[in-house]
PDB file of N, CA and C in Angstrom:
ATOM      1  N   MET A   1     -16.063  50.699  55.697  1.00  0.00           N
ATOM      2  CA  MET A   1     -15.975  49.449  54.989  1.00  0.00           C
ATOM      3  C   MET A   1     -14.659  49.701  53.959  1.00  0.00           C
ATOM      4  N   ALA A   2     -14.013  48.078  53.691  1.00  0.00           N
ATOM      5  CA  ALA A   2     -12.742  48.114  53.079  1.00  0.00           C
ATOM      6  C   ALA A   2     -13.813  47.923  51.333  1.00  0.00           C
ATOM      7  N   LYS A   3     -13.044  48.227  50.467  1.00  0.00           N
ATOM      8  CA  LYS A   3     -13.598  48.239  49.025  1.00  0.00           C
ATOM      9  C   LYS A   3     -13.206  46.853  48.692  1.00  0.00           C
ATOM     10  N   LYS A   4     -14.271  46.202  47.709  1.00  0.00           N
ATOM     11  CA  LYS A   4     -13.768  45.375  47.478  1.00  0.00           C
ATOM     12  C   LYS A   4     -12.823  44.971  46.061  1.00  0.00           C
ATOM     13  N   THR A   5     -12.243  44.017  46.166  1.00  0.00           N
ATOM     14  CA  THR A   5     -11.732  43.515  44.757  1.00  0.00           C
ATOM     15  C   THR A   5     -12.272  43.549  43.766  1.00  0.00           C
ATOM     16  N   LEU A   6     -11.592  43.469  42.240  1.00  0.00           N
ATOM     17  CA  LEU A   6     -12.702  43.304  41.347  1.00  0.00           C
ATOM     18  C   LEU A   6     -12.786  41.717  41.355  1.00  0.00           C
ATOM     19  N   ALA A   7     -11.853  40.908  41.398  1.00  0.00           N
ATOM     20  CA  ALA A   7     -12.325  39.482  41.404  1.00  0.00           C
ATOM     21  C   ALA A   7     -13.278  39.282  42.343  1.00  0.00           C
ATOM     22  N   THR A   8     -13.514  39.776  43.427  1.00  0.00           N
ATOM     23  CA  THR A   8     -14.557  39.594  44.326  1.00  0.00           C
ATOM     24  C   THR A   8     -15.825  39.972  43.615  1.00  0.00           C
ATOM     25  N   VAL A   9     -15.765  41.344  43.203  1.00  0.00           N
ATOM     26  CA  VAL A   9     -17.215  41.695  42.722  1.00  0.00           C
ATOM     27  C   VAL A   9     -17.205  40.451  41.373  1.00  0.00           C
ATOM     28  N   ILE A  10     -16.277  40.013  40.717  1.00  0.00           N
ATOM     29  CA  ILE A  10     -16.939  39.211  39.607  1.00  0.00           C
ATOM     30  C   ILE A  10     -17.078  37.829  39.840  1.00  0.00           C
ATOM     31  N   MET A  11     -16.711  37.520  40.878  1.00  0.00           N
ATOM     32  CA  MET A  11     -17.242  36.214  42.046  1.00  0.00           C
ATOM     33  C   MET A  11     -18.494  36.309  41.843  1.00  0.00           C
ATOM     34  N   GLU A  12     -19.128  37.570  42.680  1.00  0.00           N
ATOM     35  CA  GLU A  12     -20.498  37.914  42.968  1.00  0.00           C
ATOM     36  C   GLU A  12     -21.366  38.177  41.612  1.00  0.00           C
ATOM     37  N   VAL A  13     -21.155  38.473  40.996  1.00  0.00           N
ATOM     38  CA  VAL A  13     -21.707  38.411  39.268  1.00  0.00           C
ATOM     39  C   VAL A  13     -22.051  37.343  38.901  1.00  0.00           C
ATOM     40  N   LEU A  14     -20.808  36.497  38.623  1.00  0.00           N
ATOM     41  CA  LEU A  14     -21.330  35.208  38.382  1.00  0.00           C
ATOM     42  C   LEU A  14     -22.188  34.443  39.448  1.00  0.00           C
ATOM     43  N   THR A  15     -21.760  34.222  40.724  1.00  0.00           N
ATOM     44  CA  THR A  15     -22.670  34.067  41.370  1.00  0.00           C
ATOM     45  C   THR A  15     -24.180  33.899  41.228  1.00  0.00           C
ATOM     46  N   ALA A  16     -24.356  35.577  41.199  1.00  0.00           N
ATOM     47  CA  ALA A  16     -25.720  35.929  41.156  1.00  0.00           C
ATOM     48  C   ALA A  16     -26.697  35.977  39.492  1.00  0.00           C
ATOM     49  N   ASN A  17     -25.810  35.614  38.679  1.00  0.00           N
ATOM     50  CA  ASN A  17     -26.109  35.086  37.418  1.00  0.00           C
ATOM     51  C   ASN A  17     -26.525  33.561  36.909  1.00  0.00           C
ATOM     52  N   GLY A  18     -25.776  33.036  38.038  1.00  0.00           N
ATOM     53  CA  GLY A  18     -26.083  30.939  38.069  1.00  0.00           C
ATOM     54  C   GLY A  18     -25.348  30.303  36.723  1.00  0.00           C
ATOM     55  N   SER A  19     -25.097  31.378  35.884  1.00  0.00           N
ATOM     56  CA  SER A  19     -24.495  30.179  34.329  1.00  0.00           C
ATOM     57  C   SER A  19     -23.159  31.615  34.337  1.00  0.00           C
ATOM     58  N   PRO A  20     -22.375  30.808  33.126  1.00  0.00           N
ATOM     59  CA  PRO A  20     -21.049  31.564  32.634  1.00  0.00           C
ATOM     60  C   PRO A  20     -21.467  32.985  32.010  1.00  0.00           C
ATOM     61  N   MET A  21     -20.274  33.403  31.673  1.00  0.00           N
ATOM     62  CA  MET A  21     -20.804  35.143  31.265  1.00  0.00           C
ATOM     63  C   MET A  21     -19.392  35.183  30.461  1.00  0.00           C
ATOM     64  N   THR A  22     -19.353  36.127  29.570  1.00  0.00           N
ATOM     65  CA  THR A  22     -18.426  36.532  28.750  1.00  0.00           C
ATOM     66  C   THR A  22     -17.404  37.781  29.441  1.00  0.00           C
ATOM     67  N   ALA A  23     -16.637  38.461  29.691  1.00  0.00           N
ATOM     68  CA  ALA A  23     -16.060  39.375  30.029  1.00  0.00           C
ATOM     69  C   ALA A  23     -16.972  40.833  29.743  1.00  0.00           C
ATOM     70  N   ALA A  24     -17.663  40.718  28.553  1.00  0.00           N
ATOM     71  CA  ALA A  24     -18.189  42.004  28.187  1.00  0.00           C
ATOM     72  C   ALA A  24     -19.579  41.894  29.333  1.00  0.00           C
ATOM     73  N   GLU A  25     -20.185  40.816  29.189  1.00  0.00           N
ATOM     74  CA  GLU A  25     -21.583  40.722  29.833  1.00  0.00           C
ATOM     75  C   GLU A  25     -21.031  40.677  31.982  1.00  0.00           C
ATOM     76  N   VAL A  26     -19.901  40.471  32.040  1.00  0.00           N
ATOM     77  CA  VAL A  26     -19.805  40.743  33.312  1.00  0.00           C
ATOM     78  C   VAL A  26     -19.270  42.048  33.504  1.00  0.00           C
ATOM     79  N   HIS A  27     -18.740  42.919  32.734  1.00  0.00           N
ATOM     80  CA  HIS A  27     -18.465  44.047  32.821  1.00  0.00           C
ATOM     81  C   HIS A  27     -20.245  45.047  32.806  1.00  0.00           C
ATOM     82  N   SER A  28     -20.921  44.686  31.930  1.00  0.00           N
ATOM     83  CA  SER A  28     -22.397  45.155  31.791  1.00  0.00           C
ATOM     84  C   SER A  28     -23.091  44.968  33.220  1.00  0.00           C
ATOM     85  N   ALA A  29     -23.033  43.810  34.019  1.00  0.00           N
ATOM     86  CA  ALA A  29     -23.586  43.844  35.067  1.00  0.00           C
ATOM     87  C   ALA A  29     -22.840  44.433  35.899  1.00  0.00           C
ATOM     88  N   ILE A  30     -21.672  44.551  36.133  1.00  0.00           N
ATOM     89  CA  ILE A  30     -21.135  45.448  37.423  1.00  0.00           C
ATOM     90  C   ILE A  30     -21.487  46.751  36.937  1.00  0.00           C
ATOM     91  N   THR A  31     -21.335  47.394  35.486  1.00  0.00           N
ATOM     92  CA  THR A  31     -21.663  48.674  35.701  1.00  0.00           C
ATOM     93  C   THR A  31     -23.161  48.891  36.116  1.00  0.00           C
ATOM     94  N   LYS A  32     -24.465  48.287  35.635  1.00  0.00           N
ATOM     95  CA  LYS A  32     -25.305  48.345  35.912  1.00  0.00           C
ATOM     96  C   LYS A  32     -25.701  48.544  37.234  1.00  0.00           C
ATOM     97  N   GLY A  33     -25.072  47.848  38.155  1.00  0.00           N
ATOM     98  CA  GLY A  33     -25.292  47.301  39.785  1.00  0.00           C
ATOM     99  C   GLY A  33     -24.327  48.746  40.327  1.00  0.00           C
ATOM    100  N   ASN A  34     -23.371  49.326  39.524  1.00  0.00           N
ATOM    101  CA  ASN A  34     -22.534  50.200  40.469  1.00  0.00           C
ATOM    102  C   ASN A  34     -21.854  49.520  41.175  1.00  0.00           C
ATOM    103  N   LEU A  35     -21.244  48.445  40.978  1.00  0.00           N
ATOM    104  CA  LEU A  35     -20.768  47.360  41.548  1.00  0.00           C
ATOM    105  C   LEU A  35     -19.001  47.479  41.956  1.00  0.00           C
ATOM    106  N   PHE A  36     -18.762  48.512  41.364  1.00  0.00           N
ATOM    107  CA  PHE A  36     -17.190  48.765  41.104  1.00  0.00           C
ATOM    108  C   PHE A  36     -16.715  50.112  40.254  1.00  0.00           C
ATOM    109  N   GLU A  37     -15.550  50.595  40.594  1.00  0.00           N
ATOM    110  CA  GLU A  37     -15.671  51.956  39.866  1.00  0.00           C
ATOM    111  C   GLU A  37     -14.439  51.648  38.911  1.00  0.00           C
ATOM    112  N   PHE A  38     -14.448  51.654  37.384  1.00  0.00           N
ATOM    113  CA  PHE A  38     -12.931  51.791  36.612  1.00  0.00           C
ATOM    114  C   PHE A  38     -12.933  52.997  36.214  1.00  0.00           C
ATOM    115  N   ASN A  39     -11.645  53.052  36.348  1.00  0.00           N
ATOM    116  CA  ASN A  39     -10.606  53.963  36.009  1.00  0.00           C
ATOM    117  C   ASN A  39      -9.781  54.044  34.953  1.00  0.00           C
ATOM    118  N   SER A  40     -10.498  53.493  33.664  1.00  0.00           N
ATOM    119  CA  SER A  40      -9.724  52.885  32.572  1.00  0.00           C
ATOM    120  C   SER A  40     -10.454  53.197  31.031  1.00  0.00           C
ATOM    121  N   LYS A  41      -9.779  53.509  30.277  1.00  0.00           N
ATOM    122  CA  LYS A  41     -10.404  53.635  29.304  1.00  0.00           C
ATOM    123  C   LYS A  41     -11.185  52.578  28.474  1.00  0.00           C
ATOM    124  N   ASP A  42     -10.345  51.682  28.736  1.00  0.00           N
ATOM    125  CA  ASP A  42     -10.999  50.127  28.587  1.00  0.00           C
ATOM    126  C   ASP A  42     -11.210  49.201  29.433  1.00  0.00           C
ATOM    127  N   PRO A  43     -12.430  49.141  30.351  1.00  0.00           N
ATOM    128  CA  PRO A  43     -13.054  48.673  31.466  1.00  0.00           C
ATOM    129  C   PRO A  43     -13.165  46.954  30.917  1.00  0.00           C
ATOM    130  N   VAL A  44     -13.662  46.829  30.081  1.00  0.00           N
ATOM    131  CA  VAL A  44     -14.172  45.348  29.182  1.00  0.00           C
ATOM    132  C   VAL A  44     -13.050  44.757  29.680  1.00  0.00           C
ATOM    133  N   GLY A  45     -11.327  45.239  29.100  1.00  0.00           N
ATOM    134  CA  GLY A  45     -10.153  44.518  29.255  1.00  0.00           C
ATOM    135  C   GLY A  45      -9.421  44.434  30.298  1.00  0.00           C
ATOM    136  N   ILE A  46     -10.163  45.312  31.670  1.00  0.00           N
ATOM    137  CA  ILE A  46      -9.544  44.702  32.877  1.00  0.00           C
ATOM    138  C   ILE A  46     -10.351  43.977  33.728  1.00  0.00           C
ATOM    139  N   VAL A  47     -11.942  43.636  33.421  1.00  0.00           N
ATOM    140  CA  VAL A  47     -12.275  42.756  33.763  1.00  0.00           C
ATOM    141  C   VAL A  47     -11.832  41.362  33.214  1.00  0.00           C
ATOM    142  N   ARG A  48     -11.477  41.248  31.710  1.00  0.00           N
ATOM    143  CA  ARG A  48     -11.160  40.246  31.069  1.00  0.00           C
ATOM    144  C   ARG A  48      -9.628  39.935  31.662  1.00  0.00           C
ATOM    145  N   SER A  49      -8.930  40.839  31.973  1.00  0.00           N
ATOM    146  CA  SER A  49      -7.299  40.510  32.370  1.00  0.00           C
ATOM    147  C   SER A  49      -7.941  40.090  33.851  1.00  0.00           C
ATOM    148  N   ALA A  50      -8.554  40.181  34.758  1.00  0.00           N
ATOM    149  CA  ALA A  50      -9.284  39.492  36.073  1.00  0.00           C
ATOM    150  C   ALA A  50      -9.296  38.813  35.703  1.00  0.00           C
ATOM    151  N   LEU A  51     -10.740  38.363  34.899  1.00  0.00           N
ATOM    152  CA  LEU A  51     -11.107  36.865  35.030  1.00  0.00           C
ATOM    153  C   LEU A  51      -9.707  36.243  34.631  1.00  0.00           C
ATOM    154  N   SER A  52      -8.881  36.389  33.190  1.00  0.00           N
ATOM    155  CA  SER A  52      -7.709  35.520  33.265  1.00  0.00           C
ATOM    156  C   SER A  52      -6.421  35.431  34.114  1.00  0.00           C
ATOM    157  N   ARG A  53      -6.371  36.070  34.790  1.00  0.00           N
ATOM    158  CA  ARG A  53      -5.339  36.412  36.136  1.00  0.00           C
ATOM    159  C   ARG A  53      -5.841  35.162  37.173  1.00  0.00           C
ATOM    160  N   HIS A  54      -7.297  35.131  37.387  1.00  0.00           N
ATOM    161  CA  HIS A  54      -7.768  34.405  38.308  1.00  0.00           C
ATOM    162  C   HIS A  54      -8.430  33.095  37.807  1.00  0.00           C
ATOM    163  N   SER A  55      -7.738  32.612  36.540  1.00  0.00           N
ATOM    164  CA  SER A  55      -8.417  31.493  35.777  1.00  0.00           C
ATOM    165  C   SER A  55      -7.471  30.056  36.272  1.00  0.00           C
ATOM    166  N   VAL A  56      -7.989  28.771  36.210  1.00  0.00           N
ATOM    167  CA  VAL A  56      -7.317  27.766  36.802  1.00  0.00           C
ATOM    168  C   VAL A  56      -6.633  27.499  35.456  1.00  0.00           C
ATOM    169  N   GLU A  57      -6.902  27.946  33.820  1.00  0.00           N
ATOM    170  CA  GLU A  57      -5.940  27.867  32.987  1.00  0.00           C
ATOM    171  C   GLU A  57      -4.694  28.428  32.823  1.00  0.00           C
ATOM    172  N   ASN A  58      -4.836  29.810  33.584  1.00  0.00           N
ATOM    173  CA  ASN A  58      -4.035  30.505  33.451  1.00  0.00           C
ATOM    174  C   ASN A  58      -2.732  30.139  34.281  1.00  0.00           C
ATOM    175  N   GLN A  59      -1.204  29.527  33.954  1.00  0.00           N
ATOM    176  CA  GLN A  59      -0.566  28.937  34.448  1.00  0.00           C
ATOM    177  C   GLN A  59       0.863  29.887  34.512  1.00  0.00           C
ATOM    178  N   HIS A  60       0.339  31.131  33.822  1.00  0.00           N
ATOM    179  CA  HIS A  60       2.236  31.931  33.675  1.00  0.00           C
ATOM    180  C   HIS A  60       2.189  32.527  35.197  1.00  0.00           C
ATOM    181  N   SER A  61       3.596  32.791  35.040  1.00  0.00           N
ATOM    182  CA  SER A  61       4.101  32.913  36.299  1.00  0.00           C
ATOM    183  C   SER A  61       3.414  34.815  37.091  1.00  0.00           C
ATOM    184  N   CYS A  62       3.203  35.495  35.919  1.00  0.00           N
ATOM    185  CA  CYS A  62       2.193  36.742  36.368  1.00  0.00           C
ATOM    186  C   CYS A  62       0.914  36.328  36.875  1.00  0.00           C
ATOM    187  N   ALA A  63       0.465  34.966  36.769  1.00  0.00           N
ATOM    188  CA  ALA A  63      -0.986  34.472  37.164  1.00  0.00           C
ATOM    189  C   ALA A  63      -1.207  34.449  38.892  1.00  0.00           C
ATOM    190  N   SER A  64      -2.296  35.118  39.133  1.00  0.00           N
ATOM    191  CA  SER A  64      -2.622  34.816  40.570  1.00  0.00           C
ATOM    192  C   SER A  64      -2.250  33.347  41.144  1.00  0.00           C
ATOM    193  N   LYS A  65      -1.975  33.112  42.284  1.00  0.00           N
ATOM    194  CA  LYS A  65      -1.809  32.013  42.869  1.00  0.00           C
ATOM    195  C   LYS A  65      -3.390  31.418  43.361  1.00  0.00           C
ATOM    196  N   THR A  66      -3.926  32.469  43.577  1.00  0.00           N
ATOM    197  CA  THR A  66      -5.667  31.956  44.032  1.00  0.00           C
ATOM    198  C   THR A  66      -6.304  31.829  42.477  1.00  0.00           C
ATOM    199  N   LYS A  67      -6.968  31.100  42.325  1.00  0.00           N
ATOM    200  CA  LYS A  67      -8.063  30.794  41.028  1.00  0.00           C
ATOM    201  C   LYS A  67      -9.462  30.546  41.759  1.00  0.00           C
ATOM    202  N   HIS A  68     -10.109  31.820  40.773  1.00  0.00           N
ATOM    203  CA  HIS A  68     -11.698  31.554  41.443  1.00  0.00           C
ATOM    204  C   HIS A  68     -12.073  31.062  40.298  1.00  0.00           C
ATOM    205  N   PHE A  69     -11.809  31.040  38.750  1.00  0.00           N
ATOM    206  CA  PHE A  69     -12.837  31.023  37.551  1.00  0.00           C
ATOM    207  C   PHE A  69     -11.977  30.181  36.787  1.00  0.00           C
ATOM    208  N   SER A  70     -12.951  29.711  35.639  1.00  0.00           N
ATOM    209  CA  SER A  70     -12.176  28.740  34.758  1.00  0.00           C
ATOM    210  C   SER A  70     -13.119  29.244  33.488  1.00  0.00           C
ATOM    211  N   GLN A  71     -11.877  29.112  31.995  1.00  0.00           N
ATOM    212  CA  GLN A  71     -12.316  29.806  31.338  1.00  0.00           C
ATOM    213  C   GLN A  71     -12.599  28.496  30.329  1.00  0.00           C
ATOM    214  N   LEU A  72     -13.995  28.619  29.885  1.00  0.00           N
ATOM    215  CA  LEU A  72     -14.523  27.665  29.069  1.00  0.00           C
ATOM    216  C   LEU A  72     -14.243  27.553  27.623  1.00  0.00           C
ATOM    217  N   PRO A  73     -14.252  26.527  26.715  1.00  0.00           N
ATOM    218  CA  PRO A  73     -13.787  26.433  24.981  1.00  0.00           C
ATOM    219  C   PRO A  73     -14.590  27.597  24.250  1.00  0.00           C
ATOM    220  N   ASP A  74     -15.820  28.427  24.805  1.00  0.00           N
ATOM    221  CA  ASP A  74     -16.783  29.524  24.045  1.00  0.00           C
ATOM    222  C   ASP A  74     -15.977  30.743  24.379  1.00  0.00           C
ATOM    223  N   GLY A  75     -14.815  30.493  25.263  1.00  0.00           N
ATOM    224  CA  GLY A  75     -14.623  32.357  25.719  1.00  0.00           C
ATOM    225  C   GLY A  75     -15.165  32.297  26.718  1.00  0.00           C
ATOM    226  N   ARG A  76     -16.569  32.437  27.437  1.00  0.00           N
ATOM    227  CA  ARG A  76     -17.030  32.236  28.790  1.00  0.00           C
ATOM    228  C   ARG A  76     -15.934  31.882  29.712  1.00  0.00           C
ATOM    229  N   PHE A  77     -16.800  32.591  31.265  1.00  0.00           N
ATOM    230  CA  PHE A  77     -16.089  32.376  32.259  1.00  0.00           C
ATOM    231  C   PHE A  77     -16.828  31.645  33.391  1.00  0.00           C
ATOM    232  N   ALA A  78     -16.483  30.753  34.389  1.00  0.00           N
ATOM    233  CA  ALA A  78     -17.624  30.473  35.163  1.00  0.00           C
ATOM    234  C   ALA A  78     -16.461  30.332  36.419  1.00  0.00           C
ATOM    235  N   LYS A  79     -17.644  30.660  37.375  1.00  0.00           N
ATOM    236  CA  LYS A  79     -16.992  30.259  38.816  1.00  0.00           C
ATOM    237  C   LYS A  79     -16.504  29.267  38.934  1.00  0.00           C
ATOM    238  N   LEU A  80     -15.374  28.788  39.860  1.00  0.00           N
ATOM    239  CA  LEU A  80     -15.419  27.649  40.564  1.00  0.00           C
ATOM    240  C   LEU A  80     -16.099  27.388  41.526  1.00  0.00           C
ATOM    241  N   LYS A  81     -16.530  25.889  41.614  1.00  0.00           N
ATOM    242  CA  LYS A  81     -16.983  25.713  43.118  1.00  0.00           C
ATOM    243  C   LYS A  81     -16.557  25.653  44.152  1.00  0.00           C
TER     244      LYS A  81
END
């Protein structure tokens, strides 16, 4: 079976939670569920980067063309409908 991407795992976490979450909350849920293996000294930063890269608000050239999330004014992220 193919490994899931971090963006896919984040979408699953946000769907299961049913409400917007911070990057730290998403990371905590991923870790508790053993849903993704992080090989980084800053896994919350990796989650934050993935959320930002796939966020509709990020229109930078380095951003993903595929948008899955929206960043709310309070810093939490929500899954696009």
